[in-house]
């Protein structure tokens, strides 16, 4: 899915996050914005993760980078996780007890 500026929650002028849905599983992904010539480019932050190598019997860095993301689960799990995060910061969900509009 291509990134769209209106789907990103911008934290600073050039860093933000987006929530993605893939096969009814949700994740928060880290996003960056930069200029390439005169064009504004949006891209995910890419990371190398550790994987367990069965032959070497130890953890090694992956060969391919992946978008930096935090798995939230299915829709109900994702909502609970995000509400819990909001509460840990002292916030209160405006839609508490209401049907979520998305």
PDB file of N, CA and C in Angstrom:
ATOM      1  N   UNK A   1       0.850  -1.187   0.000  1.00  0.00           N
ATOM      2  CA  UNK A   1       0.000   0.000   0.000  1.00  0.00           C
ATOM      3  C   UNK A   1       0.887   1.238   0.000  1.00  0.00           C
ATOM      4  N   UNK A   2       0.727   2.138  -0.973  1.00  0.00           N
ATOM      5  CA  UNK A   2       1.538   3.357  -0.994  1.00  0.00           C
ATOM      6  C   UNK A   2       1.174   4.273   0.172  1.00  0.00           C
ATOM      7  N   UNK A   3       2.175   4.948   0.663  1.00  0.00           N
ATOM      8  CA  UNK A   3       1.957   5.881   1.764  1.00  0.00           C
ATOM      9  C   UNK A   3       1.268   7.141   1.254  1.00  0.00           C
ATOM     10  N   UNK A   4       0.346   7.646   2.049  1.00  0.00           N
ATOM     11  CA  UNK A   4      -0.328   8.907   1.734  1.00  0.00           C
ATOM     12  C   UNK A   4      -0.122   9.856   2.902  1.00  0.00           C
ATOM     13  N   UNK A   5       0.207  11.100   2.593  1.00  0.00           N
ATOM     14  CA  UNK A   5       0.487  12.093   3.625  1.00  0.00           C
ATOM     15  C   UNK A   5      -0.658  12.222   4.625  1.00  0.00           C
ATOM     16  N   UNK A   6      -1.913  12.104   4.156  1.00  0.00           N
ATOM     17  CA  UNK A   6      -3.049  12.266   5.056  1.00  0.00           C
ATOM     18  C   UNK A   6      -3.271  11.039   5.942  1.00  0.00           C
ATOM     19  N   UNK A   7      -2.565   9.929   5.686  1.00  0.00           N
ATOM     20  CA  UNK A   7      -2.694   8.728   6.516  1.00  0.00           C
ATOM     21  C   UNK A   7      -1.620   8.672   7.597  1.00  0.00           C
ATOM     22  N   UNK A   8      -0.752   9.673   7.635  1.00  0.00           N
ATOM     23  CA  UNK A   8       0.354   9.693   8.594  1.00  0.00           C
ATOM     24  C   UNK A   8       0.045  10.656   9.729  1.00  0.00           C
ATOM     25  N   UNK A   9       0.308  10.224  10.938  1.00  0.00           N
ATOM     26  CA  UNK A   9       0.240  11.108  12.107  1.00  0.00           C
ATOM     27  C   UNK A   9       1.659  11.637  12.297  1.00  0.00           C
ATOM     28  N   UNK A  10       1.850  12.914  11.991  1.00  0.00           N
ATOM     29  CA  UNK A  10       3.191  13.491  12.024  1.00  0.00           C
ATOM     30  C   UNK A  10       3.572  13.855  13.457  1.00  0.00           C
ATOM     31  N   UNK A  11       4.719  13.371  13.897  1.00  0.00           N
ATOM     32  CA  UNK A  11       5.247  13.645  15.232  1.00  0.00           C
ATOM     33  C   UNK A  11       6.137  14.891  15.172  1.00  0.00           C
ATOM     34  N   UNK A  12       6.973  14.958  14.151  1.00  0.00           N
ATOM     35  CA  UNK A  12       7.799  16.136  13.869  1.00  0.00           C
ATOM     36  C   UNK A  12       7.569  16.481  12.396  1.00  0.00           C
ATOM     37  N   UNK A  13       8.327  17.438  11.873  1.00  0.00           N
ATOM     38  CA  UNK A  13       8.168  17.809  10.461  1.00  0.00           C
ATOM     39  C   UNK A  13       8.524  16.664   9.522  1.00  0.00           C
ATOM     40  N   UNK A  14       9.388  15.741   9.972  1.00  0.00           N
ATOM     41  CA  UNK A  14       9.844  14.693   9.063  1.00  0.00           C
ATOM     42  C   UNK A  14       9.658  13.264   9.569  1.00  0.00           C
ATOM     43  N   UNK A  15       9.130  13.076  10.771  1.00  0.00           N
ATOM     44  CA  UNK A  15       8.912  11.719  11.289  1.00  0.00           C
ATOM     45  C   UNK A  15       7.474  11.561  11.757  1.00  0.00           C
ATOM     46  N   UNK A  16       6.926  10.386  11.519  1.00  0.00           N
ATOM     47  CA  UNK A  16       5.554  10.127  11.917  1.00  0.00           C
ATOM     48  C   UNK A  16       5.279   8.641  12.003  1.00  0.00           C
ATOM     49  N   UNK A  17       4.016   8.317  12.209  1.00  0.00           N
ATOM     50  CA  UNK A  17       3.574   6.921  12.268  1.00  0.00           C
ATOM     51  C   UNK A  17       2.274   6.784  11.480  1.00  0.00           C
ATOM     52  N   UNK A  18       2.008   5.574  11.052  1.00  0.00           N
ATOM     53  CA  UNK A  18       0.760   5.265  10.388  1.00  0.00           C
ATOM     54  C   UNK A  18       0.280   3.912  10.893  1.00  0.00           C
ATOM     55  N   UNK A  19      -1.009   3.689  10.835  1.00  0.00           N
ATOM     56  CA  UNK A  19      -1.560   2.389  11.208  1.00  0.00           C
ATOM     57  C   UNK A  19      -1.951   1.686   9.921  1.00  0.00           C
ATOM     58  N   UNK A  20      -1.415   0.487   9.744  1.00  0.00           N
ATOM     59  CA  UNK A  20      -1.709  -0.275   8.540  1.00  0.00           C
ATOM     60  C   UNK A  20      -2.505  -1.521   8.856  1.00  0.00           C
ATOM     61  N   UNK A  21      -3.371  -1.875   7.920  1.00  0.00           N
ATOM     62  CA  UNK A  21      -4.194  -3.068   8.028  1.00  0.00           C
ATOM     63  C   UNK A  21      -3.790  -4.010   6.895  1.00  0.00           C
ATOM     64  N   UNK A  22      -3.343  -5.214   7.267  1.00  0.00           N
ATOM     65  CA  UNK A  22      -3.004  -6.232   6.283  1.00  0.00           C
ATOM     66  C   UNK A  22      -3.645  -7.532   6.720  1.00  0.00           C
ATOM     67  N   UNK A  23      -4.583  -8.028   5.924  1.00  0.00           N
ATOM     68  CA  UNK A  23      -5.323  -9.256   6.261  1.00  0.00           C
ATOM     69  C   UNK A  23      -5.986  -9.168   7.630  1.00  0.00           C
ATOM     70  N   UNK A  24      -6.610  -8.028   7.902  1.00  0.00           N
ATOM     71  CA  UNK A  24      -7.294  -7.783   9.174  1.00  0.00           C
ATOM     72  C   UNK A  24      -6.373  -7.848  10.384  1.00  0.00           C
ATOM     73  N   UNK A  25      -5.094  -7.609  10.188  1.00  0.00           N
ATOM     74  CA  UNK A  25      -4.109  -7.498  11.268  1.00  0.00           C
ATOM     75  C   UNK A  25      -3.549  -6.081  11.189  1.00  0.00           C
ATOM     76  N   UNK A  26      -3.451  -5.420  12.328  1.00  0.00           N
ATOM     77  CA  UNK A  26      -3.042  -4.025  12.368  1.00  0.00           C
ATOM     78  C   UNK A  26      -1.642  -3.878  12.946  1.00  0.00           C
ATOM     79  N   UNK A  27      -0.927  -2.865  12.463  1.00  0.00           N
ATOM     80  CA  UNK A  27       0.413  -2.566  12.956  1.00  0.00           C
ATOM     81  C   UNK A  27       0.660  -1.069  12.845  1.00  0.00           C
ATOM     82  N   UNK A  28       1.465  -0.557  13.758  1.00  0.00           N
ATOM     83  CA  UNK A  28       1.941   0.824  13.684  1.00  0.00           C
ATOM     84  C   UNK A  28       3.269   0.777  12.951  1.00  0.00           C
ATOM     85  N   UNK A  29       3.427   1.637  11.938  1.00  0.00           N
ATOM     86  CA  UNK A  29       4.687   1.680  11.196  1.00  0.00           C
ATOM     87  C   UNK A  29       5.285   3.073  11.251  1.00  0.00           C
ATOM     88  N   UNK A  30       6.593   3.108  11.368  1.00  0.00           N
ATOM     89  CA  UNK A  30       7.339   4.355  11.436  1.00  0.00           C
ATOM     90  C   UNK A  30       7.545   4.906  10.024  1.00  0.00           C
ATOM     91  N   UNK A  31       7.333   6.227   9.855  1.00  0.00           N
ATOM     92  CA  UNK A  31       7.383   6.873   8.540  1.00  0.00           C
ATOM     93  C   UNK A  31       8.326   8.074   8.592  1.00  0.00           C
ATOM     94  N   UNK A  32       9.017   8.300   7.484  1.00  0.00           N
ATOM     95  CA  UNK A  32       9.887   9.473   7.330  1.00  0.00           C
ATOM     96  C   UNK A  32       9.492  10.240   6.073  1.00  0.00           C
ATOM     97  N   UNK A  33       9.752  11.544   6.121  1.00  0.00           N
ATOM     98  CA  UNK A  33       9.490  12.423   4.977  1.00  0.00           C
ATOM     99  C   UNK A  33      10.788  13.162   4.660  1.00  0.00           C
ATOM    100  N   UNK A  34      11.137  13.203   3.382  1.00  0.00           N
ATOM    101  CA  UNK A  34      12.313  13.959   2.979  1.00  0.00           C
ATOM    102  C   UNK A  34      12.101  14.528   1.579  1.00  0.00           C
ATOM    103  N   UNK A  35      12.944  15.471   1.222  1.00  0.00           N
ATOM    104  CA  UNK A  35      12.870  16.075  -0.108  1.00  0.00           C
ATOM    105  C   UNK A  35      13.872  15.411  -1.026  1.00  0.00           C
ATOM    106  N   UNK A  36      13.409  15.058  -2.223  1.00  0.00           N
ATOM    107  CA  UNK A  36      14.282  14.533  -3.276  1.00  0.00           C
ATOM    108  C   UNK A  36      14.133  15.502  -4.429  1.00  0.00           C
ATOM    109  N   UNK A  37      15.087  16.417  -4.544  1.00  0.00           N
ATOM    110  CA  UNK A  37      14.937  17.521  -5.497  1.00  0.00           C
ATOM    111  C   UNK A  37      13.830  18.432  -4.980  1.00  0.00           C
ATOM    112  N   UNK A  38      12.797  18.626  -5.782  1.00  0.00           N
ATOM    113  CA  UNK A  38      11.645  19.441  -5.383  1.00  0.00           C
ATOM    114  C   UNK A  38      10.481  18.589  -4.864  1.00  0.00           C
ATOM    115  N   UNK A  39      10.629  17.267  -4.939  1.00  0.00           N
ATOM    116  CA  UNK A  39       9.539  16.364  -4.569  1.00  0.00           C
ATOM    117  C   UNK A  39       9.636  15.909  -3.114  1.00  0.00           C
ATOM    118  N   UNK A  40       8.492  15.862  -2.456  1.00  0.00           N
ATOM    119  CA  UNK A  40       8.406  15.324  -1.095  1.00  0.00           C
ATOM    120  C   UNK A  40       8.220  13.812  -1.191  1.00  0.00           C
ATOM    121  N   UNK A  41       9.040  13.059  -0.488  1.00  0.00           N
ATOM    122  CA  UNK A  41       8.996  11.601  -0.540  1.00  0.00           C
ATOM    123  C   UNK A  41       8.667  11.061   0.855  1.00  0.00           C
ATOM    124  N   UNK A  42       7.726  10.123   0.900  1.00  0.00           N
ATOM    125  CA  UNK A  42       7.390   9.438   2.148  1.00  0.00           C
ATOM    126  C   UNK A  42       7.910   8.014   2.062  1.00  0.00           C
ATOM    127  N   UNK A  43       8.522   7.544   3.143  1.00  0.00           N
ATOM    128  CA  UNK A  43       9.033   6.187   3.163  1.00  0.00           C
ATOM    129  C   UNK A  43       8.952   5.626   4.575  1.00  0.00           C
ATOM    130  N   UNK A  44       8.923   4.322   4.659  1.00  0.00           N
ATOM    131  CA  UNK A  44       8.980   3.676   5.970  1.00  0.00           C
ATOM    132  C   UNK A  44      10.409   3.738   6.492  1.00  0.00           C
ATOM    133  N   UNK A  45      10.563   3.681   7.807  1.00  0.00           N
ATOM    134  CA  UNK A  45      11.872   3.436   8.393  1.00  0.00           C
ATOM    135  C   UNK A  45      12.135   1.945   8.250  1.00  0.00           C
ATOM    136  N   UNK A  46      13.303   1.593   7.766  1.00  0.00           N
ATOM    137  CA  UNK A  46      13.654   0.189   7.543  1.00  0.00           C
ATOM    138  C   UNK A  46      14.672  -0.243   8.580  1.00  0.00           C
ATOM    139  N   UNK A  47      14.509  -1.470   9.077  1.00  0.00           N
ATOM    140  CA  UNK A  47      15.399  -2.014  10.099  1.00  0.00           C
ATOM    141  C   UNK A  47      15.801  -3.443   9.744  1.00  0.00           C
ATOM    142  N   UNK A  48      16.897  -3.880  10.326  1.00  0.00           N
ATOM    143  CA  UNK A  48      17.308  -5.280  10.262  1.00  0.00           C
ATOM    144  C   UNK A  48      16.990  -5.887  11.616  1.00  0.00           C
ATOM    145  N   UNK A  49      16.265  -6.981  11.616  1.00  0.00           N
ATOM    146  CA  UNK A  49      15.907  -7.615  12.880  1.00  0.00           C
ATOM    147  C   UNK A  49      16.783  -8.841  13.117  1.00  0.00           C
ATOM    148  N   UNK A  50      16.838  -9.267  14.364  1.00  0.00           N
ATOM    149  CA  UNK A  50      17.551 -10.494  14.694  1.00  0.00           C
ATOM    150  C   UNK A  50      16.653 -11.693  14.434  1.00  0.00           C
ATOM    151  N   UNK A  51      17.245 -12.738  13.904  1.00  0.00           N
ATOM    152  CA  UNK A  51      16.534 -13.992  13.674  1.00  0.00           C
ATOM    153  C   UNK A  51      17.364 -15.119  14.268  1.00  0.00           C
ATOM    154  N   UNK A  52      16.695 -16.196  14.622  1.00  0.00           N
ATOM    155  CA  UNK A  52      17.415 -17.348  15.156  1.00  0.00           C
ATOM    156  C   UNK A  52      17.856 -18.245  14.008  1.00  0.00           C
ATOM    157  N   UNK A  53      19.151 -18.492  13.924  1.00  0.00           N
ATOM    158  CA  UNK A  53      19.713 -19.374  12.906  1.00  0.00           C
ATOM    159  C   UNK A  53      19.836 -20.769  13.513  1.00  0.00           C
ATOM    160  N   UNK A  54      19.032 -21.704  13.010  1.00  0.00           N
ATOM    161  CA  UNK A  54      19.011 -23.061  13.564  1.00  0.00           C
ATOM    162  C   UNK A  54      20.339 -23.789  13.361  1.00  0.00           C
ATOM    163  N   UNK A  55      21.003 -23.529  12.230  1.00  0.00           N
ATOM    164  CA  UNK A  55      22.281 -24.187  11.963  1.00  0.00           C
ATOM    165  C   UNK A  55      23.382 -23.677  12.880  1.00  0.00           C
ATOM    166  N   UNK A  56      23.453 -22.360  13.060  1.00  0.00           N
ATOM    167  CA  UNK A  56      24.482 -21.767  13.916  1.00  0.00           C
ATOM    168  C   UNK A  56      24.099 -21.815  15.391  1.00  0.00           C
ATOM    169  N   UNK A  57      22.816 -22.098  15.646  1.00  0.00           N
ATOM    170  CA  UNK A  57      22.266 -22.153  17.005  1.00  0.00           C
ATOM    171  C   UNK A  57      22.519 -20.856  17.782  1.00  0.00           C
ATOM    172  N   UNK A  58      22.274 -19.765  17.086  1.00  0.00           N
ATOM    173  CA  UNK A  58      22.377 -18.454  17.728  1.00  0.00           C
ATOM    174  C   UNK A  58      21.586 -17.435  16.926  1.00  0.00           C
ATOM    175  N   UNK A  59      21.397 -16.259  17.518  1.00  0.00           N
ATOM    176  CA  UNK A  59      20.674 -15.191  16.854  1.00  0.00           C
ATOM    177  C   UNK A  59      21.629 -14.432  15.944  1.00  0.00           C
ATOM    178  N   UNK A  60      21.153 -14.111  14.728  1.00  0.00           N
ATOM    179  CA  UNK A  60      21.938 -13.372  13.744  1.00  0.00           C
ATOM    180  C   UNK A  60      21.060 -12.273  13.154  1.00  0.00           C
ATOM    181  N   UNK A  61      21.688 -11.278  12.567  1.00  0.00           N
ATOM    182  CA  UNK A  61      20.941 -10.206  11.907  1.00  0.00           C
ATOM    183  C   UNK A  61      20.328 -10.733  10.617  1.00  0.00           C
ATOM    184  N   UNK A  62      19.100 -10.310  10.324  1.00  0.00           N
ATOM    185  CA  UNK A  62      18.437 -10.726   9.092  1.00  0.00           C
ATOM    186  C   UNK A  62      19.189 -10.171   7.886  1.00  0.00           C
ATOM    187  N   UNK A  63      19.039 -10.839   6.765  1.00  0.00           N
ATOM    188  CA  UNK A  63      19.708 -10.382   5.547  1.00  0.00           C
ATOM    189  C   UNK A  63      18.942  -9.261   4.866  1.00  0.00           C
ATOM    190  N   UNK A  64      17.621  -9.245   5.036  1.00  0.00           N
ATOM    191  CA  UNK A  64      16.788  -8.247   4.375  1.00  0.00           C
ATOM    192  C   UNK A  64      16.202  -7.285   5.403  1.00  0.00           C
ATOM    193  N   UNK A  65      16.170  -5.985   5.067  1.00  0.00           N
ATOM    194  CA  UNK A  65      15.524  -5.040   5.975  1.00  0.00           C
ATOM    195  C   UNK A  65      13.999  -5.162   5.897  1.00  0.00           C
ATOM    196  N   UNK A  66      13.342  -4.743   6.963  1.00  0.00           N
ATOM    197  CA  UNK A  66      11.871  -4.744   7.028  1.00  0.00           C
ATOM    198  C   UNK A  66      11.409  -3.401   7.578  1.00  0.00           C
ATOM    199  N   UNK A  67      10.192  -3.007   7.257  1.00  0.00           N
ATOM    200  CA  UNK A  67       9.694  -1.750   7.826  1.00  0.00           C
ATOM    201  C   UNK A  67       9.602  -1.860   9.352  1.00  0.00           C
ATOM    202  N   UNK A  68      10.030  -0.815  10.036  1.00  0.00           N
ATOM    203  CA  UNK A  68       9.917  -0.782  11.500  1.00  0.00           C
ATOM    204  C   UNK A  68       8.437  -0.756  11.854  1.00  0.00           C
ATOM    205  N   UNK A  69       7.985  -1.742  12.616  1.00  0.00           N
ATOM    206  CA  UNK A  69       6.560  -1.797  12.935  1.00  0.00           C
ATOM    207  C   UNK A  69       6.325  -2.462  14.279  1.00  0.00           C
ATOM    208  N   UNK A  70       5.167  -2.158  14.836  1.00  0.00           N
ATOM    209  CA  UNK A  70       4.710  -2.763  16.088  1.00  0.00           C
ATOM    210  C   UNK A  70       3.376  -3.419  15.796  1.00  0.00           C
ATOM    211  N   UNK A  71       3.325  -4.733  15.968  1.00  0.00           N
ATOM    212  CA  UNK A  71       2.124  -5.501  15.700  1.00  0.00           C
ATOM    213  C   UNK A  71       1.086  -5.225  16.788  1.00  0.00           C
ATOM    214  N   UNK A  72      -0.155  -4.938  16.378  1.00  0.00           N
ATOM    215  CA  UNK A  72      -1.237  -4.644  17.317  1.00  0.00           C
ATOM    216  C   UNK A  72      -2.309  -5.729  17.358  1.00  0.00           C
ATOM    217  N   UNK A  73      -2.328  -6.643  16.399  1.00  0.00           N
ATOM    218  CA  UNK A  73      -3.325  -7.704  16.373  1.00  0.00           C
ATOM    219  C   UNK A  73      -4.518  -7.363  15.505  1.00  0.00           C
ATOM    220  N   UNK A  74      -5.598  -8.118  15.733  1.00  0.00           N
ATOM    221  CA  UNK A  74      -6.835  -7.851  14.999  1.00  0.00           C
ATOM    222  C   UNK A  74      -7.455  -6.564  15.510  1.00  0.00           C
ATOM    223  N   UNK A  75      -8.506  -6.107  14.843  1.00  0.00           N
ATOM    224  CA  UNK A  75      -9.081  -4.787  15.121  1.00  0.00           C
ATOM    225  C   UNK A  75      -9.404  -4.565  16.596  1.00  0.00           C
ATOM    226  N   UNK A  76     -10.120  -5.500  17.229  1.00  0.00           N
ATOM    227  CA  UNK A  76     -10.471  -5.325  18.647  1.00  0.00           C
ATOM    228  C   UNK A  76      -9.228  -5.257  19.526  1.00  0.00           C
ATOM    229  N   UNK A  77      -8.237  -6.098  19.238  1.00  0.00           N
ATOM    230  CA  UNK A  77      -6.988  -6.091  20.006  1.00  0.00           C
ATOM    231  C   UNK A  77      -6.244  -4.777  19.797  1.00  0.00           C
ATOM    232  N   UNK A  78      -6.220  -4.295  18.553  1.00  0.00           N
ATOM    233  CA  UNK A  78      -5.526  -3.051  18.236  1.00  0.00           C
ATOM    234  C   UNK A  78      -6.157  -1.871  18.969  1.00  0.00           C
ATOM    235  N   UNK A  79      -7.485  -1.826  18.985  1.00  0.00           N
ATOM    236  CA  UNK A  79      -8.181  -0.741  19.687  1.00  0.00           C
ATOM    237  C   UNK A  79      -7.851  -0.781  21.178  1.00  0.00           C
ATOM    238  N   UNK A  80      -7.908  -1.964  21.776  1.00  0.00           N
ATOM    239  CA  UNK A  80      -7.587  -2.097  23.200  1.00  0.00           C
ATOM    240  C   UNK A  80      -6.153  -1.659  23.484  1.00  0.00           C
ATOM    241  N   UNK A  81      -5.219  -2.066  22.617  1.00  0.00           N
ATOM    242  CA  UNK A  81      -3.819  -1.691  22.809  1.00  0.00           C
ATOM    243  C   UNK A  81      -3.633  -0.181  22.725  1.00  0.00           C
ATOM    244  N   UNK A  82      -4.254   0.449  21.728  1.00  0.00           N
ATOM    245  CA  UNK A  82      -4.102   1.894  21.558  1.00  0.00           C
ATOM    246  C   UNK A  82      -4.771   2.677  22.688  1.00  0.00           C
ATOM    247  N   UNK A  83      -5.935   2.220  23.134  1.00  0.00           N
ATOM    248  CA  UNK A  83      -6.607   2.871  24.268  1.00  0.00           C
ATOM    249  C   UNK A  83      -5.751   2.736  25.519  1.00  0.00           C
ATOM    250  N   UNK A  84      -5.164   1.566  25.718  1.00  0.00           N
ATOM    251  CA  UNK A  84      -4.292   1.345  26.874  1.00  0.00           C
ATOM    252  C   UNK A  84      -3.074   2.270  26.822  1.00  0.00           C
ATOM    253  N   UNK A  85      -2.495   2.440  25.637  1.00  0.00           N
ATOM    254  CA  UNK A  85      -1.358   3.360  25.480  1.00  0.00           C
ATOM    255  C   UNK A  85      -1.772   4.788  25.785  1.00  0.00           C
ATOM    256  N   UNK A  86      -2.937   5.181  25.284  1.00  0.00           N
ATOM    257  CA  UNK A  86      -3.445   6.530  25.541  1.00  0.00           C
ATOM    258  C   UNK A  86      -3.630   6.763  27.036  1.00  0.00           C
ATOM    259  N   UNK A  87      -4.227   5.797  27.722  1.00  0.00           N
ATOM    260  CA  UNK A  87      -4.437   5.922  29.175  1.00  0.00           C
ATOM    261  C   UNK A  87      -3.116   5.983  29.935  1.00  0.00           C
ATOM    262  N   UNK A  88      -2.105   5.246  29.478  1.00  0.00           N
ATOM    263  CA  UNK A  88      -0.813   5.266  30.171  1.00  0.00           C
ATOM    264  C   UNK A  88      -0.165   6.646  30.097  1.00  0.00           C
ATOM    265  N   UNK A  89      -0.587   7.444  29.107  1.00  0.00           N
ATOM    266  CA  UNK A  89      -0.104   8.819  28.985  1.00  0.00           C
ATOM    267  C   UNK A  89      -1.027   9.831  29.666  1.00  0.00           C
ATOM    268  N   UNK A  90      -2.081   9.330  30.306  1.00  0.00           N
ATOM    269  CA  UNK A  90      -3.004  10.208  31.005  1.00  0.00           C
ATOM    270  C   UNK A  90      -4.150  10.706  30.149  1.00  0.00           C
ATOM    271  N   UNK A  91      -4.304  10.175  28.959  1.00  0.00           N
ATOM    272  CA  UNK A  91      -5.383  10.598  28.065  1.00  0.00           C
ATOM    273  C   UNK A  91      -6.645   9.790  28.283  1.00  0.00           C
ATOM    274  N   UNK A  92      -7.742  10.272  27.711  1.00  0.00           N
ATOM    275  CA  UNK A  92      -9.024   9.583  27.785  1.00  0.00           C
ATOM    276  C   UNK A  92      -9.609   9.499  26.388  1.00  0.00           C
ATOM    277  N   UNK A  93      -9.998   8.307  25.952  1.00  0.00           N
ATOM    278  CA  UNK A  93     -10.595   8.190  24.615  1.00  0.00           C
ATOM    279  C   UNK A  93     -11.922   8.930  24.533  1.00  0.00           C
ATOM    280  N   UNK A  94     -12.087   9.742  23.496  1.00  0.00           N
ATOM    281  CA  UNK A  94     -13.325  10.500  23.316  1.00  0.00           C
ATOM    282  C   UNK A  94     -14.498   9.593  22.979  1.00  0.00           C
ATOM    283  N   UNK A  95     -14.238   8.459  22.346  1.00  0.00           N
ATOM    284  CA  UNK A  95     -15.302   7.577  21.889  1.00  0.00           C
ATOM    285  C   UNK A  95     -15.532   6.399  22.828  1.00  0.00           C
ATOM    286  N   UNK A  96     -15.082   6.503  24.060  1.00  0.00           N
ATOM    287  CA  UNK A  96     -15.213   5.376  24.992  1.00  0.00           C
ATOM    288  C   UNK A  96     -16.662   4.921  25.110  1.00  0.00           C
ATOM    289  N   UNK A  97     -16.878   3.634  24.918  1.00  0.00           N
ATOM    290  CA  UNK A  97     -18.228   3.075  25.023  1.00  0.00           C
ATOM    291  C   UNK A  97     -19.041   3.214  23.752  1.00  0.00           C
ATOM    292  N   UNK A  98     -18.520   3.902  22.749  1.00  0.00           N
ATOM    293  CA  UNK A  98     -19.241   4.077  21.489  1.00  0.00           C
ATOM    294  C   UNK A  98     -18.663   3.151  20.432  1.00  0.00           C
ATOM    295  N   UNK A  99     -19.437   2.919  19.388  1.00  0.00           N
ATOM    296  CA  UNK A  99     -18.942   2.128  18.282  1.00  0.00           C
ATOM    297  C   UNK A  99     -17.887   2.931  17.545  1.00  0.00           C
ATOM    298  N   UNK A 100     -16.756   2.310  17.254  1.00  0.00           N
ATOM    299  CA  UNK A 100     -15.676   3.003  16.575  1.00  0.00           C
ATOM    300  C   UNK A 100     -16.062   3.216  15.109  1.00  0.00           C
ATOM    301  N   UNK A 101     -15.895   4.432  14.577  1.00  0.00           N
ATOM    302  CA  UNK A 101     -16.399   4.747  13.226  1.00  0.00           C
ATOM    303  C   UNK A 101     -15.553   4.235  12.065  1.00  0.00           C
ATOM    304  N   UNK A 102     -14.649   3.305  12.296  1.00  0.00           N
ATOM    305  CA  UNK A 102     -13.854   2.782  11.173  1.00  0.00           C
ATOM    306  C   UNK A 102     -13.716   1.284  11.284  1.00  0.00           C
TER     307      UNK A 102
END
